[in-house]
Amino acid sequence: MENSNDKRIIIDYVEKDNQTNSKRIIDSTYGELRKTRGEDFDGFSERSAFPIQDENGNKELVGIIKITKKFKEDIYVVSPLDKQ
């Protein structure tokens, strides 16, 4: 694993048509996310896609549109994928 359990991982959500207003959906550590995503979890790639669920229980498939890696935190920006 490249990222330590203490390193922060932040995921911000933006709408397809409004990428200036973001909503923070995850602000955690790699260690916390490894508890639910598996011990091998070490972040996402530019081609990653995964489902998210809002507070109302609605599910949506999102993809990574931007990654910013820093020494103490990694920031991922996700946006909805087009429905097929």
N, C-alpha and C. Protein backbone atom coordinates (compact mmCIF):
# COMPACT_ATOMS: atom_id res chain seq x y z
N MET A 1 0.84 -1.19 0.00
CA MET A 1 0.00 0.00 0.00
C MET A 1 0.88 1.24 0.00
N GLU A 2 0.55 2.12 -0.89
CA GLU A 2 1.27 3.37 -1.01
C GLU A 2 0.79 4.40 0.02
N ASN A 3 -0.51 4.43 0.25
CA ASN A 3 -1.11 5.42 1.16
C ASN A 3 -1.28 4.85 2.56
N SER A 4 -0.79 5.60 3.55
CA SER A 4 -0.89 5.14 4.94
C SER A 4 -2.33 5.22 5.42
N ASN A 5 -2.64 4.49 6.47
CA ASN A 5 -3.98 4.49 7.03
C ASN A 5 -4.37 5.87 7.56
N ASP A 6 -3.40 6.71 7.92
CA ASP A 6 -3.68 8.03 8.48
C ASP A 6 -3.89 9.11 7.43
N LYS A 7 -3.52 8.85 6.18
CA LYS A 7 -3.68 9.85 5.13
C LYS A 7 -5.16 10.08 4.84
N ARG A 8 -5.54 11.35 4.69
CA ARG A 8 -6.93 11.71 4.44
C ARG A 8 -7.30 11.45 2.99
N ILE A 9 -8.54 11.09 2.79
CA ILE A 9 -9.11 10.94 1.44
C ILE A 9 -10.42 11.72 1.44
N ILE A 10 -10.51 12.63 0.48
CA ILE A 10 -11.67 13.51 0.36
C ILE A 10 -12.30 13.27 -1.00
N ILE A 11 -13.62 13.15 -1.03
CA ILE A 11 -14.33 13.00 -2.29
C ILE A 11 -15.39 14.09 -2.37
N ASP A 12 -15.28 14.91 -3.41
CA ASP A 12 -16.23 15.98 -3.67
C ASP A 12 -17.06 15.63 -4.89
N TYR A 13 -18.35 15.91 -4.82
CA TYR A 13 -19.31 15.61 -5.89
C TYR A 13 -19.70 16.90 -6.59
N VAL A 14 -19.70 16.87 -7.93
CA VAL A 14 -20.18 18.00 -8.72
C VAL A 14 -21.19 17.48 -9.75
N GLU A 15 -22.18 18.32 -10.04
CA GLU A 15 -23.15 17.99 -11.07
C GLU A 15 -22.50 18.09 -12.45
N LYS A 16 -23.02 17.34 -13.41
CA LYS A 16 -22.49 17.39 -14.79
C LYS A 16 -22.55 18.80 -15.35
N ASP A 17 -23.65 19.52 -15.10
CA ASP A 17 -23.84 20.83 -15.72
C ASP A 17 -23.37 21.99 -14.85
N ASN A 18 -22.88 21.71 -13.64
CA ASN A 18 -22.42 22.78 -12.76
C ASN A 18 -21.21 22.29 -11.96
N GLN A 19 -20.04 22.39 -12.56
CA GLN A 19 -18.86 21.84 -11.91
C GLN A 19 -18.14 22.85 -11.03
N THR A 20 -18.77 24.00 -10.77
CA THR A 20 -18.15 24.97 -9.88
C THR A 20 -18.62 24.81 -8.43
N ASN A 21 -19.81 24.29 -8.23
CA ASN A 21 -20.34 24.06 -6.87
C ASN A 21 -20.17 22.60 -6.51
N SER A 22 -19.31 22.33 -5.54
CA SER A 22 -19.09 20.94 -5.15
C SER A 22 -19.72 20.67 -3.79
N LYS A 23 -19.99 19.38 -3.56
CA LYS A 23 -20.55 18.93 -2.29
C LYS A 23 -19.62 17.83 -1.76
N ARG A 24 -19.13 17.99 -0.56
CA ARG A 24 -18.23 17.00 0.04
C ARG A 24 -19.06 15.80 0.47
N ILE A 25 -18.74 14.63 -0.11
CA ILE A 25 -19.50 13.43 0.24
C ILE A 25 -18.70 12.47 1.12
N ILE A 26 -17.36 12.59 1.08
CA ILE A 26 -16.52 11.77 1.96
C ILE A 26 -15.34 12.61 2.42
N ASP A 27 -15.10 12.59 3.71
CA ASP A 27 -13.89 13.18 4.30
C ASP A 27 -13.47 12.21 5.38
N SER A 28 -12.52 11.35 5.04
CA SER A 28 -12.17 10.23 5.91
C SER A 28 -10.67 9.97 5.80
N THR A 29 -10.26 8.79 6.24
CA THR A 29 -8.87 8.35 6.07
C THR A 29 -8.87 7.07 5.25
N TYR A 30 -7.72 6.76 4.69
CA TYR A 30 -7.60 5.50 3.95
C TYR A 30 -7.89 4.32 4.87
N GLY A 31 -7.44 4.42 6.12
CA GLY A 31 -7.68 3.33 7.07
C GLY A 31 -9.16 3.08 7.29
N GLU A 32 -9.95 4.14 7.44
CA GLU A 32 -11.40 3.99 7.62
C GLU A 32 -12.05 3.38 6.37
N LEU A 33 -11.66 3.84 5.20
CA LEU A 33 -12.26 3.30 3.97
C LEU A 33 -11.84 1.86 3.71
N ARG A 34 -10.65 1.48 4.17
CA ARG A 34 -10.22 0.09 3.99
C ARG A 34 -11.09 -0.86 4.79
N LYS A 35 -11.72 -0.38 5.85
CA LYS A 35 -12.63 -1.23 6.64
C LYS A 35 -13.84 -1.64 5.83
N THR A 36 -14.30 -0.78 4.90
CA THR A 36 -15.49 -1.10 4.12
C THR A 36 -15.17 -1.50 2.68
N ARG A 37 -14.06 -1.02 2.13
CA ARG A 37 -13.73 -1.30 0.73
C ARG A 37 -12.70 -2.41 0.58
N GLY A 38 -12.14 -2.88 1.69
CA GLY A 38 -11.16 -3.96 1.65
C GLY A 38 -9.76 -3.45 1.95
N GLU A 39 -8.95 -4.32 2.51
CA GLU A 39 -7.60 -3.94 2.93
C GLU A 39 -6.70 -3.53 1.77
N ASP A 40 -7.02 -3.95 0.55
CA ASP A 40 -6.21 -3.61 -0.61
C ASP A 40 -6.54 -2.24 -1.18
N PHE A 41 -7.57 -1.57 -0.68
CA PHE A 41 -7.97 -0.27 -1.23
C PHE A 41 -6.85 0.75 -1.04
N ASP A 42 -6.46 1.39 -2.15
CA ASP A 42 -5.39 2.39 -2.09
C ASP A 42 -5.74 3.61 -2.95
N GLY A 43 -7.02 3.90 -3.06
CA GLY A 43 -7.45 5.06 -3.82
C GLY A 43 -8.09 4.68 -5.14
N PHE A 44 -8.32 5.68 -5.95
CA PHE A 44 -9.00 5.50 -7.22
C PHE A 44 -8.09 5.93 -8.36
N SER A 45 -8.41 5.49 -9.56
CA SER A 45 -7.70 5.93 -10.75
C SER A 45 -8.63 6.83 -11.56
N GLU A 46 -8.10 7.43 -12.61
CA GLU A 46 -8.91 8.31 -13.46
C GLU A 46 -10.07 7.58 -14.13
N ARG A 47 -9.98 6.28 -14.21
CA ARG A 47 -11.03 5.48 -14.86
C ARG A 47 -11.99 4.83 -13.87
N SER A 48 -11.84 5.14 -12.60
CA SER A 48 -12.70 4.52 -11.58
C SER A 48 -14.13 5.02 -11.67
N ALA A 49 -15.06 4.13 -11.40
CA ALA A 49 -16.49 4.46 -11.29
C ALA A 49 -17.04 3.64 -10.13
N PHE A 50 -17.96 4.25 -9.39
CA PHE A 50 -18.54 3.55 -8.25
C PHE A 50 -19.89 4.18 -7.92
N PRO A 51 -20.78 3.42 -7.28
CA PRO A 51 -22.08 3.97 -6.90
C PRO A 51 -22.00 4.76 -5.61
N ILE A 52 -22.79 5.81 -5.53
CA ILE A 52 -22.95 6.55 -4.28
C ILE A 52 -24.44 6.57 -3.94
N GLN A 53 -24.74 6.82 -2.69
CA GLN A 53 -26.13 6.88 -2.24
C GLN A 53 -26.31 8.16 -1.46
N ASP A 54 -27.35 8.94 -1.82
CA ASP A 54 -27.59 10.19 -1.09
C ASP A 54 -28.40 9.93 0.17
N GLU A 55 -28.67 11.00 0.91
CA GLU A 55 -29.38 10.87 2.18
C GLU A 55 -30.81 10.36 2.02
N ASN A 56 -31.37 10.42 0.80
CA ASN A 56 -32.72 9.93 0.54
C ASN A 56 -32.74 8.49 0.05
N GLY A 57 -31.55 7.88 -0.07
CA GLY A 57 -31.48 6.49 -0.52
C GLY A 57 -31.35 6.33 -2.02
N ASN A 58 -31.29 7.43 -2.76
CA ASN A 58 -31.14 7.36 -4.22
C ASN A 58 -29.70 7.01 -4.58
N LYS A 59 -29.54 6.05 -5.49
CA LYS A 59 -28.21 5.62 -5.91
C LYS A 59 -27.88 6.22 -7.27
N GLU A 60 -26.59 6.49 -7.46
CA GLU A 60 -26.12 7.09 -8.70
C GLU A 60 -24.69 6.62 -8.96
N LEU A 61 -24.39 6.32 -10.22
CA LEU A 61 -23.05 5.90 -10.60
C LEU A 61 -22.24 7.15 -10.94
N VAL A 62 -21.07 7.28 -10.30
CA VAL A 62 -20.21 8.44 -10.53
C VAL A 62 -18.84 7.98 -11.01
N GLY A 63 -18.16 8.90 -11.69
CA GLY A 63 -16.81 8.64 -12.15
C GLY A 63 -15.88 9.76 -11.71
N ILE A 64 -14.61 9.45 -11.64
CA ILE A 64 -13.60 10.43 -11.24
C ILE A 64 -13.36 11.40 -12.40
N ILE A 65 -13.39 12.70 -12.10
CA ILE A 65 -13.08 13.68 -13.14
C ILE A 65 -11.80 14.46 -12.82
N LYS A 66 -11.36 14.42 -11.56
CA LYS A 66 -10.14 15.13 -11.18
C LYS A 66 -9.55 14.50 -9.93
N ILE A 67 -8.21 14.39 -9.92
CA ILE A 67 -7.50 13.85 -8.76
C ILE A 67 -6.41 14.85 -8.38
N THR A 68 -6.37 15.21 -7.10
CA THR A 68 -5.31 16.07 -6.57
C THR A 68 -4.66 15.32 -5.43
N LYS A 69 -3.40 14.93 -5.62
CA LYS A 69 -2.68 14.18 -4.58
C LYS A 69 -1.73 15.13 -3.87
N LYS A 70 -1.85 15.15 -2.55
CA LYS A 70 -0.98 15.96 -1.71
C LYS A 70 -0.32 15.06 -0.68
N PHE A 71 0.60 15.62 0.07
CA PHE A 71 1.34 14.83 1.05
C PHE A 71 0.44 14.23 2.12
N LYS A 72 -0.50 15.03 2.66
CA LYS A 72 -1.34 14.57 3.76
C LYS A 72 -2.76 14.21 3.37
N GLU A 73 -3.14 14.47 2.09
CA GLU A 73 -4.50 14.16 1.67
C GLU A 73 -4.57 13.99 0.16
N ASP A 74 -5.54 13.20 -0.28
CA ASP A 74 -5.86 13.05 -1.68
C ASP A 74 -7.29 13.53 -1.87
N ILE A 75 -7.49 14.35 -2.91
CA ILE A 75 -8.82 14.89 -3.18
C ILE A 75 -9.28 14.36 -4.53
N TYR A 76 -10.44 13.73 -4.53
CA TYR A 76 -11.05 13.21 -5.75
C TYR A 76 -12.32 13.99 -6.00
N VAL A 77 -12.52 14.39 -7.25
CA VAL A 77 -13.77 15.05 -7.63
C VAL A 77 -14.50 14.09 -8.55
N VAL A 78 -15.77 13.81 -8.20
CA VAL A 78 -16.58 12.87 -8.97
C VAL A 78 -17.79 13.59 -9.55
N SER A 79 -18.30 13.01 -10.64
CA SER A 79 -19.47 13.56 -11.31
C SER A 79 -20.31 12.39 -11.82
N PRO A 80 -21.62 12.58 -11.97
CA PRO A 80 -22.46 11.49 -12.46
C PRO A 80 -22.03 11.04 -13.85
N LEU A 81 -22.11 9.74 -14.07
CA LEU A 81 -21.85 9.19 -15.40
C LEU A 81 -23.15 9.24 -16.20
N ASP A 82 -23.02 9.40 -17.49
CA ASP A 82 -24.19 9.38 -18.36
C ASP A 82 -24.86 8.03 -18.28
N LYS A 83 -26.17 8.02 -18.20
CA LYS A 83 -26.91 6.77 -18.16
C LYS A 83 -26.94 6.17 -19.55
N GLN A 84 -26.71 4.87 -19.64
CA GLN A 84 -26.68 4.18 -20.92
C GLN A 84 -28.08 3.81 -21.36
